[in-house]
Amino acid sequence: MLAIIGGTGLSELQGFEQLEKIALKTPYARSKVRLARVGSGDKEFIFLPRHGAGHKLPPHEINYRANIAALSDLGVSEIVAVNAVGAIHGDLLPGTVAVPNQLIDYSYSRDVSFYDGKLKKVHHIDFSNPYSEPIRQRILRATEAVNSDSKTACEVMAGGTYACTQGPRLETAAEIRRLAQDGCDMVGMTGMPEASLARELEIEYASLALSVNWAAGLSEDPITLDDIHAVLESGMEFVSAVITEVVQQS
């Protein structure tokens, strides 16, 4: 079973048939997901709005363990996570997308593991390559298929390093310079511990990241929520088309 985790700009399903709302109780909290289907076909998937219905949860308050545990309980074996990011790499213009292959975690004070010595004994996973390469390639094939239609064409960065910061505030210009020096290409607030929790439960996980603004200090214009929402609104058409293609490939 494939799951789509929707982030900022994708807290509601549009263009998909919603079949059932499911509330699951986990040892960490309750998690609400939706069973959905692509068009009139038989391809079903699970949709989980990361920030909750109506985008109510800030990044540092999301119960990532409850979400991933719930998906595992439902038999999910693959996850495509949609993330909104700020662009650091010069080629990742706002409105373009990336399929990152590495990440650096700068977040803190989050529940980062199922193996905390309480419900599960301590265990150390291999996280050298944080994203599933087969799922990454499926996403990239989907972007190529969607880009064959000029109406929804979008530039795609086929790799890159995702920096996960704490939030909910945006970063300072000095922090972005540091991230750039560390080799980061994009910055977001929700990539971790989501990715590592999926790895702990042996769920294949990859990200489709939509660039919504230049990171702090990389543009002369101030970062405004109005501008971010405008890019989200236009970019989600492409993202939704890619999700449709990924589901159909599953």
Protein backbone atom coordinates (compact mmCIF):
# COMPACT_ATOMS: atom_id res chain seq x y z
CA MET A 1 0.00 0.00 0.00
CA LEU A 2 1.23 3.47 -0.92
CA ALA A 3 0.74 6.51 1.31
CA ILE A 4 0.99 10.17 0.36
CA ILE A 5 1.89 12.55 3.19
CA GLY A 6 0.71 16.04 2.32
CA GLY A 7 2.39 19.12 3.69
CA THR A 8 1.81 22.85 3.37
CA GLY A 9 -0.47 23.42 0.39
CA LEU A 10 -1.64 19.82 0.32
CA SER A 11 -3.70 19.37 3.48
CA GLU A 12 -6.80 18.58 1.43
CA LEU A 13 -7.24 16.13 -1.43
CA GLN A 14 -8.35 17.72 -4.68
CA GLY A 15 -8.91 15.74 -7.84
CA PHE A 16 -9.01 12.40 -6.00
CA GLU A 17 -11.98 10.32 -4.92
CA GLN A 18 -12.14 10.06 -1.12
CA LEU A 19 -13.42 6.67 -0.03
CA GLU A 20 -13.14 6.57 3.75
CA LYS A 21 -11.84 8.52 6.73
CA ILE A 22 -9.91 6.39 9.21
CA ALA A 23 -8.93 7.27 12.78
CA LEU A 24 -6.28 5.06 14.34
CA LYS A 25 -5.13 4.83 17.93
CA THR A 26 -1.39 4.32 18.38
CA PRO A 27 0.76 4.22 21.54
CA TYR A 28 1.83 7.78 20.69
CA ALA A 29 -1.49 9.48 19.85
CA ARG A 30 -4.44 9.18 17.48
CA SER A 31 -3.80 9.75 13.80
CA LYS A 32 -6.38 10.48 11.12
CA VAL A 33 -5.89 9.38 7.53
CA ARG A 34 -8.02 8.98 4.43
CA LEU A 35 -8.38 6.18 1.94
CA ALA A 36 -8.53 7.64 -1.56
CA ARG A 37 -8.59 6.54 -5.18
CA VAL A 38 -7.29 7.97 -8.43
CA GLY A 39 -10.20 8.79 -10.71
CA SER A 40 -12.48 5.91 -11.58
CA GLY A 41 -9.70 3.33 -11.54
CA ASP A 42 -8.89 0.76 -8.89
CA LYS A 43 -5.66 2.36 -7.65
CA GLU A 44 -6.16 3.21 -3.99
CA PHE A 45 -3.79 4.97 -1.61
CA ILE A 46 -3.67 6.39 1.89
CA PHE A 47 -3.52 10.15 2.34
CA LEU A 48 -2.23 11.68 5.56
CA PRO A 49 -2.30 15.48 6.02
CA ARG A 50 0.85 16.09 8.04
CA HIS A 51 -0.37 19.32 9.64
CA GLY A 52 -3.86 17.96 10.30
CA ALA A 53 -7.13 19.10 8.78
CA GLY A 54 -7.03 22.81 8.10
CA HIS A 55 -3.26 22.97 8.58
CA LYS A 56 -3.49 23.44 12.36
CA LEU A 57 -0.24 21.85 13.55
CA PRO A 58 3.11 23.69 13.30
CA PRO A 59 6.10 21.56 12.28
CA HIS A 60 7.54 21.10 15.78
CA GLU A 61 4.17 20.01 17.22
CA ILE A 62 3.41 17.26 14.67
CA ASN A 63 3.31 13.80 16.25
CA TYR A 64 5.50 12.14 13.65
CA ARG A 65 5.62 8.85 15.55
CA ALA A 66 1.82 8.55 15.66
CA ASN A 67 1.58 9.29 11.93
CA ILE A 68 4.19 6.77 10.82
CA ALA A 69 2.97 4.13 13.30
CA ALA A 70 -0.58 4.53 11.98
CA LEU A 71 0.57 4.11 8.38
CA SER A 72 2.53 1.01 9.34
CA ASP A 73 -0.51 -0.44 11.10
CA LEU A 74 -2.50 0.04 7.89
CA GLY A 75 0.03 -1.99 5.94
CA VAL A 76 1.70 0.94 4.18
CA SER A 77 5.03 -0.13 2.67
CA GLU A 78 5.81 2.99 0.60
CA ILE A 79 5.53 6.71 1.34
CA VAL A 80 5.80 9.72 -0.94
CA ALA A 81 6.09 12.83 1.22
CA VAL A 82 5.26 16.24 -0.21
CA ASN A 83 7.32 19.05 1.32
CA ALA A 84 7.33 22.81 0.77
CA VAL A 85 10.89 24.15 0.89
CA GLY A 86 12.89 27.33 0.66
CA ALA A 87 15.44 27.34 -2.15
CA ILE A 88 19.16 27.57 -1.42
CA HIS A 89 20.57 26.09 -4.64
CA GLY A 90 20.57 28.62 -7.48
CA ASP A 91 18.74 26.27 -9.87
CA LEU A 92 15.82 25.61 -7.51
CA LEU A 93 13.73 28.63 -8.46
CA PRO A 94 10.42 29.13 -6.67
CA GLY A 95 7.83 27.06 -8.48
CA THR A 96 10.25 24.26 -9.37
CA VAL A 97 10.52 20.92 -7.60
CA ALA A 98 13.26 18.67 -6.26
CA VAL A 99 13.52 15.00 -5.40
CA PRO A 100 16.23 15.12 -2.70
CA ASN A 101 18.63 12.25 -2.12
CA GLN A 102 20.25 13.45 1.11
CA LEU A 103 19.33 15.41 4.22
CA ILE A 104 20.82 17.08 7.29
CA ASP A 105 18.74 17.33 10.44
CA TYR A 106 18.99 20.60 12.39
CA SER A 107 15.76 20.10 14.34
CA TYR A 108 15.69 19.47 18.09
CA SER A 109 13.39 18.45 20.97
CA ARG A 110 11.32 16.15 18.77
CA ASP A 111 10.50 12.51 19.50
CA VAL A 112 12.86 11.07 16.96
CA SER A 113 12.70 7.29 17.40
CA PHE A 114 10.43 4.36 18.16
CA TYR A 115 13.47 2.69 19.70
CA ASP A 116 13.64 4.89 22.79
CA GLY A 117 14.12 2.12 25.33
CA LYS A 118 10.49 2.38 26.49
CA LEU A 119 8.07 0.66 24.12
CA LYS A 120 10.92 -0.69 22.00
CA LYS A 121 14.46 -1.53 23.04
CA VAL A 122 17.27 0.64 21.75
CA HIS A 123 18.21 -0.04 18.14
CA HIS A 124 20.36 1.82 15.59
CA ILE A 125 19.31 1.92 11.95
CA ASP A 126 21.54 2.50 8.93
CA PHE A 127 20.55 5.92 7.60
CA SER A 128 23.43 6.54 5.18
CA ASN A 129 20.98 7.07 2.34
CA PRO A 130 17.85 8.49 3.95
CA TYR A 131 15.58 8.27 0.91
CA SER A 132 14.48 5.12 -0.89
CA GLU A 133 16.10 5.06 -4.32
CA PRO A 134 13.32 2.98 -5.95
CA ILE A 135 10.68 5.47 -4.76
CA ARG A 136 12.84 8.41 -5.83
CA GLN A 137 13.12 6.92 -9.31
CA ARG A 138 9.37 6.35 -9.45
CA ILE A 139 8.79 10.02 -8.57
CA LEU A 140 11.29 11.12 -11.22
CA ARG A 141 9.62 8.94 -13.85
CA ALA A 142 6.32 10.50 -12.84
CA THR A 143 7.69 14.02 -13.24
CA GLU A 144 8.96 13.11 -16.71
CA ALA A 145 5.55 11.76 -17.67
CA VAL A 146 3.78 14.87 -16.40
CA ASN A 147 6.34 17.13 -18.09
CA SER A 148 5.52 15.54 -21.41
CA ASP A 149 2.34 17.63 -21.18
CA SER A 150 3.45 21.22 -21.79
CA LYS A 151 0.43 22.56 -19.87
CA THR A 152 1.88 21.41 -16.55
CA ALA A 153 5.62 21.41 -17.32
CA CYS A 154 7.92 22.17 -14.40
CA GLU A 155 11.69 22.17 -13.87
CA VAL A 156 12.88 19.26 -11.68
CA MET A 157 16.08 18.91 -9.65
CA ALA A 158 16.82 15.19 -9.56
CA GLY A 159 18.64 15.22 -6.23
CA GLY A 160 19.89 17.61 -3.59
CA THR A 161 20.31 17.86 0.17
CA TYR A 162 17.32 18.80 2.32
CA ALA A 163 18.00 20.76 5.52
CA CYS A 164 15.40 20.21 8.24
CA THR A 165 15.17 23.12 10.66
CA GLN A 166 13.03 23.43 13.77
CA GLY A 167 10.52 26.13 12.86
CA PRO A 168 7.96 27.46 13.00
CA ARG A 169 9.86 30.68 12.27
CA LEU A 170 11.77 31.04 9.03
CA GLU A 171 15.55 31.10 9.15
CA THR A 172 17.90 34.07 9.43
CA ALA A 173 20.13 35.02 6.53
CA ALA A 174 23.16 33.90 8.56
CA GLU A 175 21.57 30.52 9.19
CA ILE A 176 20.97 30.07 5.47
CA ARG A 177 24.62 30.94 4.76
CA ARG A 178 25.60 28.23 7.23
CA LEU A 179 23.27 25.71 5.57
CA ALA A 180 24.75 26.57 2.17
CA GLN A 181 28.26 26.04 3.54
CA ASP A 182 27.11 22.67 4.88
CA GLY A 183 26.06 21.67 1.36
CA CYS A 184 22.30 22.05 1.70
CA ASP A 185 20.24 22.82 -1.40
CA MET A 186 16.84 23.41 0.19
CA VAL A 187 15.40 24.03 3.63
CA GLY A 188 12.18 22.82 5.23
CA MET A 189 10.80 21.99 8.67
CA THR A 190 9.09 18.60 8.32
CA GLY A 191 11.53 16.19 6.69
CA MET A 192 12.71 14.81 10.03
CA PRO A 193 12.10 12.70 12.00
CA GLU A 194 9.52 11.57 9.44
CA ALA A 195 12.12 9.99 7.15
CA SER A 196 14.04 8.16 9.88
CA LEU A 197 10.87 6.89 11.58
CA ALA A 198 9.78 5.39 8.26
CA ARG A 199 13.18 3.70 7.97
CA GLU A 200 12.83 2.29 11.49
CA LEU A 201 9.57 0.60 10.49
CA GLU A 202 11.05 -0.53 7.15
CA ILE A 203 8.78 1.68 5.04
CA GLU A 204 10.26 2.92 1.76
CA TYR A 205 10.22 6.73 1.87
CA ALA A 206 11.05 9.57 -0.51
CA SER A 207 10.20 13.26 -0.87
CA LEU A 208 8.76 15.48 -3.58
CA ALA A 209 9.81 19.00 -2.55
CA LEU A 210 8.19 22.11 -4.01
CA SER A 211 10.31 25.27 -3.85
CA VAL A 212 8.03 28.08 -2.64
CA ASN A 213 10.52 30.90 -1.98
CA TRP A 214 14.17 31.84 -1.95
CA ALA A 215 15.62 31.19 1.49
CA ALA A 216 16.45 34.17 3.72
CA GLY A 217 19.08 36.52 2.34
CA LEU A 218 19.07 35.06 -1.17
CA SER A 219 16.66 37.59 -2.64
CA GLU A 220 16.32 41.34 -2.29
CA ASP A 221 12.58 40.90 -1.75
CA PRO A 222 11.20 40.08 1.71
CA ILE A 223 9.65 36.65 2.27
CA THR A 224 5.88 37.02 2.54
CA LEU A 225 3.20 34.41 3.18
CA ASP A 226 1.16 35.84 0.33
CA ASP A 227 3.97 35.11 -2.13
CA ILE A 228 4.47 31.61 -0.68
CA HIS A 229 0.78 30.78 -0.95
CA ALA A 230 0.70 32.04 -4.54
CA VAL A 231 3.53 29.66 -5.49
CA LEU A 232 1.87 26.84 -3.56
CA GLU A 233 -1.39 27.37 -5.39
CA SER A 234 0.22 27.27 -8.81
CA GLY A 235 2.72 24.51 -7.99
CA MET A 236 0.21 22.09 -6.49
CA GLU A 237 -1.29 21.43 -9.93
CA PHE A 238 2.00 19.87 -10.98
CA VAL A 239 2.44 18.09 -7.63
CA SER A 240 -1.06 16.60 -7.82
CA ALA A 241 -0.40 15.41 -11.36
CA VAL A 242 2.84 13.74 -10.22
CA ILE A 243 1.05 12.08 -7.30
CA THR A 244 -1.57 10.73 -9.70
CA GLU A 245 1.15 9.28 -11.91
CA VAL A 246 3.01 7.76 -8.92
CA VAL A 247 -0.18 6.11 -7.65
CA GLN A 248 -0.94 4.71 -11.08
CA GLN A 249 2.59 3.25 -11.22
CA SER A 250 2.18 1.51 -7.86
